[in-house]
Amino acid sequence: GMIAEAAYLRAQARGFTPGGEEEDWLAAEA
């Protein structure tokens, strides 16, 4: 859940543009 929230915030910061979901998740996980 913490990773999902951090990934969401990363996606929001980049304007939810498609194509960066996996990078958002991996960066949030790290």
PDB file of all heavy atoms in Angstrom:
ATOM      1  N   GLY A   1       0.815  -1.217   0.000  1.00  0.00           N
ATOM      2  CA  GLY A   1       0.000   0.000   0.000  1.00  0.00           C
ATOM      3  C   GLY A   1       0.846   1.262   0.000  1.00  0.00           C
ATOM      4  O   GLY A   1       0.520   2.239  -0.674  1.00  0.00           O
ATOM      5  N   MET A   2       1.942   1.229   0.747  1.00  0.00           N
ATOM      6  CA  MET A   2       2.849   2.380   0.770  1.00  0.00           C
ATOM      7  C   MET A   2       3.480   2.596  -0.604  1.00  0.00           C
ATOM      8  O   MET A   2       3.599   3.731  -1.078  1.00  0.00           O
ATOM      9  CB  MET A   2       3.927   2.163   1.833  1.00  0.00           C
ATOM     10  CG  MET A   2       3.413   2.150   3.260  1.00  0.00           C
ATOM     11  SD  MET A   2       4.619   1.539   4.456  1.00  0.00           S
ATOM     12  CE  MET A   2       5.761   2.912   4.493  1.00  0.00           C
ATOM     13  N   ILE A   3       3.861   1.492  -1.249  1.00  0.00           N
ATOM     14  CA  ILE A   3       4.446   1.587  -2.592  1.00  0.00           C
ATOM     15  C   ILE A   3       3.417   2.124  -3.570  1.00  0.00           C
ATOM     16  O   ILE A   3       3.717   3.006  -4.389  1.00  0.00           O
ATOM     17  CB  ILE A   3       4.991   0.217  -3.042  1.00  0.00           C
ATOM     18  CG1 ILE A   3       6.172  -0.197  -2.163  1.00  0.00           C
ATOM     19  CG2 ILE A   3       5.406   0.246  -4.514  1.00  0.00           C
ATOM     20  CD1 ILE A   3       6.596  -1.642  -2.325  1.00  0.00           C
ATOM     21  N   ALA A   4       2.192   1.614  -3.495  1.00  0.00           N
ATOM     22  CA  ALA A   4       1.136   2.072  -4.405  1.00  0.00           C
ATOM     23  C   ALA A   4       0.879   3.566  -4.237  1.00  0.00           C
ATOM     24  O   ALA A   4       0.716   4.295  -5.224  1.00  0.00           O
ATOM     25  CB  ALA A   4      -0.144   1.267  -4.168  1.00  0.00           C
ATOM     26  N   GLU A   5       0.852   4.025  -3.003  1.00  0.00           N
ATOM     27  CA  GLU A   5       0.622   5.450  -2.760  1.00  0.00           C
ATOM     28  C   GLU A   5       1.774   6.296  -3.307  1.00  0.00           C
ATOM     29  O   GLU A   5       1.558   7.329  -3.940  1.00  0.00           O
ATOM     30  CB  GLU A   5       0.444   5.702  -1.262  1.00  0.00           C
ATOM     31  CG  GLU A   5       0.101   7.116  -0.925  1.00  0.00           C
ATOM     32  CD  GLU A   5      -0.162   7.325   0.564  1.00  0.00           C
ATOM     33  OE1 GLU A   5      -0.259   6.341   1.310  1.00  0.00           O
ATOM     34  OE2 GLU A   5      -0.265   8.495   0.967  1.00  0.00           O
ATOM     35  N   ALA A   6       3.003   5.849  -3.074  1.00  0.00           N
ATOM     36  CA  ALA A   6       4.164   6.595  -3.577  1.00  0.00           C
ATOM     37  C   ALA A   6       4.187   6.593  -5.104  1.00  0.00           C
ATOM     38  O   ALA A   6       4.513   7.608  -5.729  1.00  0.00           O
ATOM     39  CB  ALA A   6       5.451   5.996  -3.016  1.00  0.00           C
ATOM     40  N   ALA A   7       3.818   5.463  -5.730  1.00  0.00           N
ATOM     41  CA  ALA A   7       3.782   5.390  -7.193  1.00  0.00           C
ATOM     42  C   ALA A   7       2.704   6.321  -7.742  1.00  0.00           C
ATOM     43  O   ALA A   7       2.908   7.001  -8.762  1.00  0.00           O
ATOM     44  CB  ALA A   7       3.534   3.953  -7.647  1.00  0.00           C
ATOM     45  N   TYR A   8       1.563   6.371  -7.066  1.00  0.00           N
ATOM     46  CA  TYR A   8       0.493   7.280  -7.486  1.00  0.00           C
ATOM     47  C   TYR A   8       0.972   8.734  -7.430  1.00  0.00           C
ATOM     48  O   TYR A   8       0.735   9.513  -8.359  1.00  0.00           O
ATOM     49  CB  TYR A   8      -0.738   7.098  -6.605  1.00  0.00           C
ATOM     50  CG  TYR A   8      -1.833   8.091  -6.916  1.00  0.00           C
ATOM     51  CD1 TYR A   8      -2.749   7.834  -7.925  1.00  0.00           C
ATOM     52  CD2 TYR A   8      -1.925   9.295  -6.217  1.00  0.00           C
ATOM     53  CE1 TYR A   8      -3.746   8.751  -8.226  1.00  0.00           C
ATOM     54  CE2 TYR A   8      -2.915  10.218  -6.523  1.00  0.00           C
ATOM     55  CZ  TYR A   8      -3.825   9.936  -7.519  1.00  0.00           C
ATOM     56  OH  TYR A   8      -4.797  10.851  -7.834  1.00  0.00           O
ATOM     57  N   LEU A   9       1.638   9.094  -6.357  1.00  0.00           N
ATOM     58  CA  LEU A   9       2.125  10.471  -6.219  1.00  0.00           C
ATOM     59  C   LEU A   9       3.158  10.803  -7.299  1.00  0.00           C
ATOM     60  O   LEU A   9       3.195  11.924  -7.808  1.00  0.00           O
ATOM     61  CB  LEU A   9       2.701  10.692  -4.827  1.00  0.00           C
ATOM     62  CG  LEU A   9       1.677  10.642  -3.690  1.00  0.00           C
ATOM     63  CD1 LEU A   9       2.378  10.704  -2.334  1.00  0.00           C
ATOM     64  CD2 LEU A   9       0.646  11.744  -3.828  1.00  0.00           C
ATOM     65  N   ARG A  10       3.985   9.821  -7.652  1.00  0.00           N
ATOM     66  CA  ARG A  10       4.946  10.041  -8.746  1.00  0.00           C
ATOM     67  C   ARG A  10       4.211  10.246 -10.063  1.00  0.00           C
ATOM     68  O   ARG A  10       4.571  11.125 -10.855  1.00  0.00           O
ATOM     69  CB  ARG A  10       5.911   8.870  -8.849  1.00  0.00           C
ATOM     70  CG  ARG A  10       6.910   8.825  -7.725  1.00  0.00           C
ATOM     71  CD  ARG A  10       7.803   7.589  -7.826  1.00  0.00           C
ATOM     72  NE  ARG A  10       8.823   7.642  -6.821  1.00  0.00           N
ATOM     73  CZ  ARG A  10       9.970   8.298  -6.953  1.00  0.00           C
ATOM     74  NH1 ARG A  10      10.241   8.928  -8.059  1.00  0.00           N
ATOM     75  NH2 ARG A  10      10.844   8.313  -5.977  1.00  0.00           N
ATOM     76  N   ALA A  11       3.194   9.412 -10.332  1.00  0.00           N
ATOM     77  CA  ALA A  11       2.420   9.548 -11.570  1.00  0.00           C
ATOM     78  C   ALA A  11       1.703  10.893 -11.604  1.00  0.00           C
ATOM     79  O   ALA A  11       1.647  11.555 -12.646  1.00  0.00           O
ATOM     80  CB  ALA A  11       1.419   8.404 -11.686  1.00  0.00           C
ATOM     81  N   GLN A  12       1.181  11.305 -10.475  1.00  0.00           N
ATOM     82  CA  GLN A  12       0.497  12.599 -10.396  1.00  0.00           C
ATOM     83  C   GLN A  12       1.470  13.731 -10.688  1.00  0.00           C
ATOM     84  O   GLN A  12       1.143  14.680 -11.402  1.00  0.00           O
ATOM     85  CB  GLN A  12      -0.112  12.766  -9.005  1.00  0.00           C
ATOM     86  CG  GLN A  12      -0.918  14.025  -8.827  1.00  0.00           C
ATOM     87  CD  GLN A  12      -1.463  14.155  -7.413  1.00  0.00           C
ATOM     88  OE1 GLN A  12      -0.785  13.805  -6.451  1.00  0.00           O
ATOM     89  NE2 GLN A  12      -2.687  14.629  -7.296  1.00  0.00           N
ATOM     90  N   ALA A  13       2.690  13.630 -10.170  1.00  0.00           N
ATOM     91  CA  ALA A  13       3.690  14.680 -10.382  1.00  0.00           C
ATOM     92  C   ALA A  13       4.083  14.804 -11.854  1.00  0.00           C
ATOM     93  O   ALA A  13       4.420  15.886 -12.318  1.00  0.00           O
ATOM     94  CB  ALA A  13       4.926  14.398  -9.535  1.00  0.00           C
ATOM     95  N   ARG A  14       4.006  13.701 -12.589  1.00  0.00           N
ATOM     96  CA  ARG A  14       4.343  13.763 -14.014  1.00  0.00           C
ATOM     97  C   ARG A  14       3.104  13.950 -14.883  1.00  0.00           C
ATOM     98  O   ARG A  14       3.155  13.825 -16.104  1.00  0.00           O
ATOM     99  CB  ARG A  14       5.162  12.554 -14.442  1.00  0.00           C
ATOM    100  CG  ARG A  14       4.485  11.236 -14.332  1.00  0.00           C
ATOM    101  CD  ARG A  14       5.368  10.083 -14.836  1.00  0.00           C
ATOM    102  NE  ARG A  14       4.686   8.830 -14.620  1.00  0.00           N
ATOM    103  CZ  ARG A  14       3.690   8.385 -15.370  1.00  0.00           C
ATOM    104  NH1 ARG A  14       3.284   9.074 -16.397  1.00  0.00           N
ATOM    105  NH2 ARG A  14       3.091   7.245 -15.084  1.00  0.00           N
ATOM    106  N   GLY A  15       1.969  14.252 -14.259  1.00  0.00           N
ATOM    107  CA  GLY A  15       0.745  14.564 -14.996  1.00  0.00           C
ATOM    108  C   GLY A  15       0.008  13.356 -15.546  1.00  0.00           C
ATOM    109  O   GLY A  15      -0.767  13.480 -16.496  1.00  0.00           O
ATOM    110  N   PHE A  16       0.256  12.179 -14.982  1.00  0.00           N
ATOM    111  CA  PHE A  16      -0.401  10.938 -15.401  1.00  0.00           C
ATOM    112  C   PHE A  16      -0.213  10.632 -16.888  1.00  0.00           C
ATOM    113  O   PHE A  16      -1.055  10.003 -17.511  1.00  0.00           O
ATOM    114  CB  PHE A  16      -1.903  10.951 -15.054  1.00  0.00           C
ATOM    115  CG  PHE A  16      -2.173  11.021 -13.585  1.00  0.00           C
ATOM    116  CD1 PHE A  16      -2.673  12.192 -13.024  1.00  0.00           C
ATOM    117  CD2 PHE A  16      -1.920   9.952 -12.751  1.00  0.00           C
ATOM    118  CE1 PHE A  16      -2.925  12.276 -11.655  1.00  0.00           C
ATOM    119  CE2 PHE A  16      -2.172  10.030 -11.387  1.00  0.00           C
ATOM    120  CZ  PHE A  16      -2.679  11.195 -10.837  1.00  0.00           C
ATOM    121  N   THR A  17       0.899  11.080 -17.444  1.00  0.00           N
ATOM    122  CA  THR A  17       1.143  10.758 -18.851  1.00  0.00           C
ATOM    123  C   THR A  17       1.429   9.271 -18.963  1.00  0.00           C
ATOM    124  O   THR A  17       2.130   8.694 -18.126  1.00  0.00           O
ATOM    125  CB  THR A  17       2.332  11.569 -19.412  1.00  0.00           C
ATOM    126  OG1 THR A  17       3.462  11.353 -18.575  1.00  0.00           O
ATOM    127  CG2 THR A  17       2.001  13.052 -19.479  1.00  0.00           C
ATOM    128  N   PRO A  18       0.874   8.612 -19.980  1.00  0.00           N
ATOM    129  CA  PRO A  18       1.052   7.161 -20.116  1.00  0.00           C
ATOM    130  C   PRO A  18       2.510   6.791 -20.411  1.00  0.00           C
ATOM    131  O   PRO A  18       3.270   7.584 -20.966  1.00  0.00           O
ATOM    132  CB  PRO A  18       0.160   6.787 -21.299  1.00  0.00           C
ATOM    133  CG  PRO A  18      -0.608   7.998 -21.670  1.00  0.00           C
ATOM    134  CD  PRO A  18      -0.003   9.167 -20.992  1.00  0.00           C
ATOM    135  N   GLY A  19       2.859   5.574 -20.023  1.00  0.00           N
ATOM    136  CA  GLY A  19       4.162   5.042 -20.357  1.00  0.00           C
ATOM    137  C   GLY A  19       5.179   5.037 -19.236  1.00  0.00           C
ATOM    138  O   GLY A  19       6.257   4.488 -19.395  1.00  0.00           O
ATOM    139  N   GLY A  20       4.880   5.611 -18.100  1.00  0.00           N
ATOM    140  CA  GLY A  20       5.853   5.645 -17.016  1.00  0.00           C
ATOM    141  C   GLY A  20       5.417   4.881 -15.787  1.00  0.00           C
ATOM    142  O   GLY A  20       6.014   5.032 -14.724  1.00  0.00           O
ATOM    143  N   GLU A  21       4.399   4.059 -15.922  1.00  0.00           N
ATOM    144  CA  GLU A  21       3.835   3.376 -14.755  1.00  0.00           C
ATOM    145  C   GLU A  21       4.833   2.436 -14.096  1.00  0.00           C
ATOM    146  O   GLU A  21       4.966   2.410 -12.870  1.00  0.00           O
ATOM    147  CB  GLU A  21       2.577   2.582 -15.144  1.00  0.00           C
ATOM    148  CG  GLU A  21       1.439   3.431 -15.650  1.00  0.00           C
ATOM    149  CD  GLU A  21       1.533   3.728 -17.152  1.00  0.00           C
ATOM    150  OE1 GLU A  21       2.464   3.235 -17.832  1.00  0.00           O
ATOM    151  OE2 GLU A  21       0.662   4.480 -17.627  1.00  0.00           O
ATOM    152  N   GLU A  22       5.546   1.651 -14.910  1.00  0.00           N
ATOM    153  CA  GLU A  22       6.500   0.694 -14.343  1.00  0.00           C
ATOM    154  C   GLU A  22       7.655   1.418 -13.648  1.00  0.00           C
ATOM    155  O   GLU A  22       8.071   1.024 -12.551  1.00  0.00           O
ATOM    156  CB  GLU A  22       7.048  -0.223 -15.438  1.00  0.00           C
ATOM    157  CG  GLU A  22       7.899  -1.342 -14.887  1.00  0.00           C
ATOM    158  CD  GLU A  22       8.312  -2.350 -15.955  1.00  0.00           C
ATOM    159  OE1 GLU A  22       7.765  -2.320 -17.072  1.00  0.00           O
ATOM    160  OE2 GLU A  22       9.197  -3.163 -15.645  1.00  0.00           O
ATOM    161  N   GLU A  23       8.134   2.488 -14.258  1.00  0.00           N
ATOM    162  CA  GLU A  23       9.208   3.264 -13.639  1.00  0.00           C
ATOM    163  C   GLU A  23       8.740   3.889 -12.327  1.00  0.00           C
ATOM    164  O   GLU A  23       9.490   3.936 -11.348  1.00  0.00           O
ATOM    165  CB  GLU A  23       9.718   4.357 -14.587  1.00  0.00           C
ATOM    166  CG  GLU A  23      10.481   3.828 -15.789  1.00  0.00           C
ATOM    167  CD  GLU A  23       9.565   3.351 -16.911  1.00  0.00           C
ATOM    168  OE1 GLU A  23       8.342   3.635 -16.863  1.00  0.00           O
ATOM    169  OE2 GLU A  23      10.062   2.686 -17.830  1.00  0.00           O
ATOM    170  N   ASP A  24       7.490   4.378 -12.315  1.00  0.00           N
ATOM    171  CA  ASP A  24       6.929   4.950 -11.085  1.00  0.00           C
ATOM    172  C   ASP A  24       6.913   3.900  -9.979  1.00  0.00           C
ATOM    173  O   ASP A  24       7.297   4.168  -8.841  1.00  0.00           O
ATOM    174  CB  ASP A  24       5.499   5.461 -11.310  1.00  0.00           C
ATOM    175  CG  ASP A  24       5.445   6.679 -12.200  1.00  0.00           C
ATOM    176  OD1 ASP A  24       6.463   7.382 -12.328  1.00  0.00           O
ATOM    177  OD2 ASP A  24       4.358   6.918 -12.779  1.00  0.00           O
ATOM    178  N   TRP A  25       6.451   2.693 -10.315  1.00  0.00           N
ATOM    179  CA  TRP A  25       6.330   1.622  -9.324  1.00  0.00           C
ATOM    180  C   TRP A  25       7.712   1.230  -8.795  1.00  0.00           C
ATOM    181  O   TRP A  25       7.915   1.110  -7.584  1.00  0.00           O
ATOM    182  CB  TRP A  25       5.612   0.411  -9.904  1.00  0.00           C
ATOM    183  CG  TRP A  25       5.361  -0.623  -8.856  1.00  0.00           C
ATOM    184  CD1 TRP A  25       6.182  -1.651  -8.495  1.00  0.00           C
ATOM    185  CD2 TRP A  25       4.232  -0.691  -7.980  1.00  0.00           C
ATOM    186  NE1 TRP A  25       5.636  -2.363  -7.472  1.00  0.00           N
ATOM    187  CE2 TRP A  25       4.437  -1.803  -7.132  1.00  0.00           C
ATOM    188  CE3 TRP A  25       3.080   0.062  -7.844  1.00  0.00           C
ATOM    189  CZ2 TRP A  25       3.520  -2.170  -6.164  1.00  0.00           C
ATOM    190  CZ3 TRP A  25       2.162  -0.309  -6.873  1.00  0.00           C
ATOM    191  CH2 TRP A  25       2.384  -1.410  -6.039  1.00  0.00           C
ATOM    192  N   LEU A  26       8.672   1.032  -9.703  1.00  0.00           N
ATOM    193  CA  LEU A  26      10.003   0.598  -9.282  1.00  0.00           C
ATOM    194  C   LEU A  26      10.705   1.655  -8.435  1.00  0.00           C
ATOM    195  O   LEU A  26      11.351   1.331  -7.430  1.00  0.00           O
ATOM    196  CB  LEU A  26      10.841   0.233 -10.506  1.00  0.00           C
ATOM    197  CG  LEU A  26      10.348  -1.002 -11.278  1.00  0.00           C
ATOM    198  CD1 LEU A  26      11.150  -1.175 -12.556  1.00  0.00           C
ATOM    199  CD2 LEU A  26      10.394  -2.247 -10.412  1.00  0.00           C
ATOM    200  N   ALA A  27      10.557   2.911  -8.806  1.00  0.00           N
ATOM    201  CA  ALA A  27      11.164   3.987  -8.016  1.00  0.00           C
ATOM    202  C   ALA A  27      10.492   4.093  -6.651  1.00  0.00           C
ATOM    203  O   ALA A  27      11.166   4.292  -5.629  1.00  0.00           O
ATOM    204  CB  ALA A  27      11.057   5.311  -8.767  1.00  0.00           C
ATOM    205  N   ALA A  28       9.183   3.947  -6.622  1.00  0.00           N
ATOM    206  CA  ALA A  28       8.452   4.005  -5.346  1.00  0.00           C
ATOM    207  C   ALA A  28       8.837   2.829  -4.462  1.00  0.00           C
ATOM    208  O   ALA A  28       9.020   2.990  -3.246  1.00  0.00           O
ATOM    209  CB  ALA A  28       6.948   4.003  -5.604  1.00  0.00           C
ATOM    210  N   GLU A  29       8.981   1.660  -5.049  1.00  0.00           N
ATOM    211  CA  GLU A  29       9.378   0.471  -4.286  1.00  0.00           C
ATOM    212  C   GLU A  29      10.765   0.666  -3.664  1.00  0.00           C
ATOM    213  O   GLU A  29      10.973   0.376  -2.488  1.00  0.00           O
ATOM    214  CB  GLU A  29       9.372  -0.750  -5.202  1.00  0.00           C
ATOM    215  CG  GLU A  29       9.604  -2.058  -4.498  1.00  0.00           C
ATOM    216  CD  GLU A  29       9.445  -3.236  -5.431  1.00  0.00           C
ATOM    217  OE1 GLU A  29       9.745  -3.117  -6.631  1.00  0.00           O
ATOM    218  OE2 GLU A  29       9.014  -4.291  -4.941  1.00  0.00           O
ATOM    219  N   ALA A  30      11.693   1.191  -4.449  1.00  0.00           N
ATOM    220  CA  ALA A  30      13.040   1.439  -3.931  1.00  0.00           C
ATOM    221  C   ALA A  30      13.003   2.470  -2.805  1.00  0.00           C
ATOM    222  O   ALA A  30      13.687   2.326  -1.789  1.00  0.00           O
ATOM    223  CB  ALA A  30      13.958   1.902  -5.059  1.00  0.00           C
TER     224      ALA A  30
END
